[in-house]
C-alpha atoms as a PDB file:
ATOM      1  CA  MET A   1      13.400 -18.433  13.078  1.00  0.00           C
ATOM      2  CA  ALA A   2      11.259 -16.192  10.853  1.00  0.00           C
ATOM      3  CA  GLU A   3       7.956 -15.203  12.339  1.00  0.00           C
ATOM      4  CA  MET A   4       4.956 -16.286  10.261  1.00  0.00           C
ATOM      5  CA  LYS A   5       2.192 -13.816   9.529  1.00  0.00           C
ATOM      6  CA  THR A   6      -0.989 -14.962  11.174  1.00  0.00           C
ATOM      7  CA  ALA A   7      -4.506 -14.280  10.026  1.00  0.00           C
ATOM      8  CA  ALA A   8      -4.885 -11.968  13.027  1.00  0.00           C
ATOM      9  CA  THR A   9      -2.189  -9.587  11.704  1.00  0.00           C
ATOM     10  CA  LEU A  10      -3.548  -9.505   8.157  1.00  0.00           C
ATOM     11  CA  LYS A  11      -6.549  -7.462   7.064  1.00  0.00           C
ATOM     12  CA  THR A  12      -8.068  -6.835   3.667  1.00  0.00           C
ATOM     13  CA  ILE A  13      -7.061  -3.612   2.012  1.00  0.00           C
ATOM     14  CA  GLU A  14     -10.717  -2.565   2.025  1.00  0.00           C
ATOM     15  CA  GLU A  15     -10.860  -2.926   5.832  1.00  0.00           C
ATOM     16  CA  LEU A  16      -7.674  -0.912   6.221  1.00  0.00           C
ATOM     17  CA  LYS A  17      -9.008   1.779   3.875  1.00  0.00           C
ATOM     18  CA  GLN A  18     -12.062   2.175   6.118  1.00  0.00           C
ATOM     19  CA  GLU A  19     -10.143   2.072   9.399  1.00  0.00           C
ATOM     20  CA  LEU A  20      -7.505   4.571   8.289  1.00  0.00           C
ATOM     21  CA  GLY A  21      -9.845   6.899   6.403  1.00  0.00           C
ATOM     22  CA  VAL A  22      -8.022   6.614   3.068  1.00  0.00           C
ATOM     23  CA  SER A  23      -9.835   8.384   0.220  1.00  0.00           C
ATOM     24  CA  ASP A  24     -11.153   6.411  -2.753  1.00  0.00           C
ATOM     25  CA  VAL A  25      -8.724   8.119  -5.144  1.00  0.00           C
ATOM     26  CA  VAL A  26      -5.644   7.328  -3.055  1.00  0.00           C
ATOM     27  CA  PHE A  27      -6.889   3.786  -2.425  1.00  0.00           C
ATOM     28  CA  GLU A  28      -7.312   3.060  -6.133  1.00  0.00           C
ATOM     29  CA  GLY A  29      -3.908   4.589  -6.879  1.00  0.00           C
ATOM     30  CA  VAL A  30      -2.211   2.462  -4.223  1.00  0.00           C
ATOM     31  CA  LYS A  31      -3.902  -0.658  -5.597  1.00  0.00           C
ATOM     32  CA  ALA A  32      -2.734   0.141  -9.133  1.00  0.00           C
ATOM     33  CA  ALA A  33       0.800   1.085  -8.095  1.00  0.00           C
ATOM     34  CA  ASN A  34       1.251  -2.164  -6.166  1.00  0.00           C
ATOM     35  CA  GLY A  35      -0.674  -4.485  -8.461  1.00  0.00           C
ATOM     36  CA  TRP A  36      -3.131  -5.311  -5.676  1.00  0.00           C
ATOM     37  CA  LYS A  37      -6.568  -6.740  -6.428  1.00  0.00           C
ATOM     38  CA  SER A  38      -9.660  -6.315  -4.272  1.00  0.00           C
ATOM     39  CA  GLY A  39      -9.629  -8.594  -1.246  1.00  0.00           C
ATOM     40  CA  ARG A  40      -5.831  -8.585  -0.896  1.00  0.00           C
ATOM     41  CA  GLN A  41      -4.704  -9.088   2.699  1.00  0.00           C
ATOM     42  CA  VAL A  42      -1.743  -7.155   4.072  1.00  0.00           C
ATOM     43  CA  GLU A  43      -0.435  -5.968   7.406  1.00  0.00           C
ATOM     44  CA  GLU A  44      -1.421  -2.474   8.502  1.00  0.00           C
ATOM     45  CA  ASP A  45       2.177  -1.220   8.399  1.00  0.00           C
ATOM     46  CA  ALA A  46       2.631  -2.423   4.807  1.00  0.00           C
ATOM     47  CA  PHE A  47      -0.590  -0.665   3.792  1.00  0.00           C
ATOM     48  CA  LYS A  48       0.482   2.578   5.482  1.00  0.00           C
ATOM     49  CA  GLU A  49       3.900   2.415   3.784  1.00  0.00           C
ATOM     50  CA  ALA A  50       2.279   1.815   0.388  1.00  0.00           C
ATOM     51  CA  CYS A  51      -0.020   4.808   0.893  1.00  0.00           C
ATOM     52  CA  ALA A  52       2.866   7.043   1.967  1.00  0.00           C
ATOM     53  CA  ALA A  53       4.997   5.963  -1.017  1.00  0.00           C
ATOM     54  CA  PHE A  54       2.112   6.627  -3.391  1.00  0.00           C
ATOM     55  CA  LEU A  55       1.509  10.091  -1.962  1.00  0.00           C
ATOM     56  CA  LYS A  56       5.227  10.990  -2.272  1.00  0.00           C
ATOM     57  CA  ALA A  57       5.612   9.694  -5.846  1.00  0.00           C
ATOM     58  CA  PRO A  58       5.870  12.160  -8.754  1.00  0.00           C
ATOM     59  CA  VAL A  59       2.546  12.749 -10.488  1.00  0.00           C
ATOM     60  CA  ASP A  60       4.026  12.299 -13.963  1.00  0.00           C
ATOM     61  CA  GLY A  61       5.391   8.850 -13.105  1.00  0.00           C
ATOM     62  CA  ARG A  62       9.041   9.735 -13.673  1.00  0.00           C
ATOM     63  CA  VAL A  63      11.652   7.770 -11.780  1.00  0.00           C
ATOM     64  CA  THR A  64      14.101   9.876  -9.800  1.00  0.00           C
ATOM     65  CA  ASP A  65      17.763   8.958  -9.360  1.00  0.00           C
ATOM     66  CA  GLU A  66      17.040   7.989  -5.768  1.00  0.00           C
ATOM     67  CA  GLU A  67      14.344   5.539  -6.837  1.00  0.00           C
ATOM     68  CA  ALA A  68      16.444   4.129  -9.687  1.00  0.00           C
ATOM     69  CA  LYS A  69      19.372   3.306  -7.401  1.00  0.00           C
ATOM     70  CA  GLY A  70      17.153   1.528  -4.847  1.00  0.00           C
END
């Protein structure tokens, strides 16, 4: 049976930004790239993955072959 996400595992993206020391610029970029609004609640691992993906993405926004196949 699928495990449900409990309130204890979810934190707001603002809390995670503070806890993980994410800069304002990266935080705003991650929010924009994922369509997240202020107050969104996610798991810490999902937030870390979103930050890592944002930091690895091309600056000019181009889609690479690897991304297009995904």
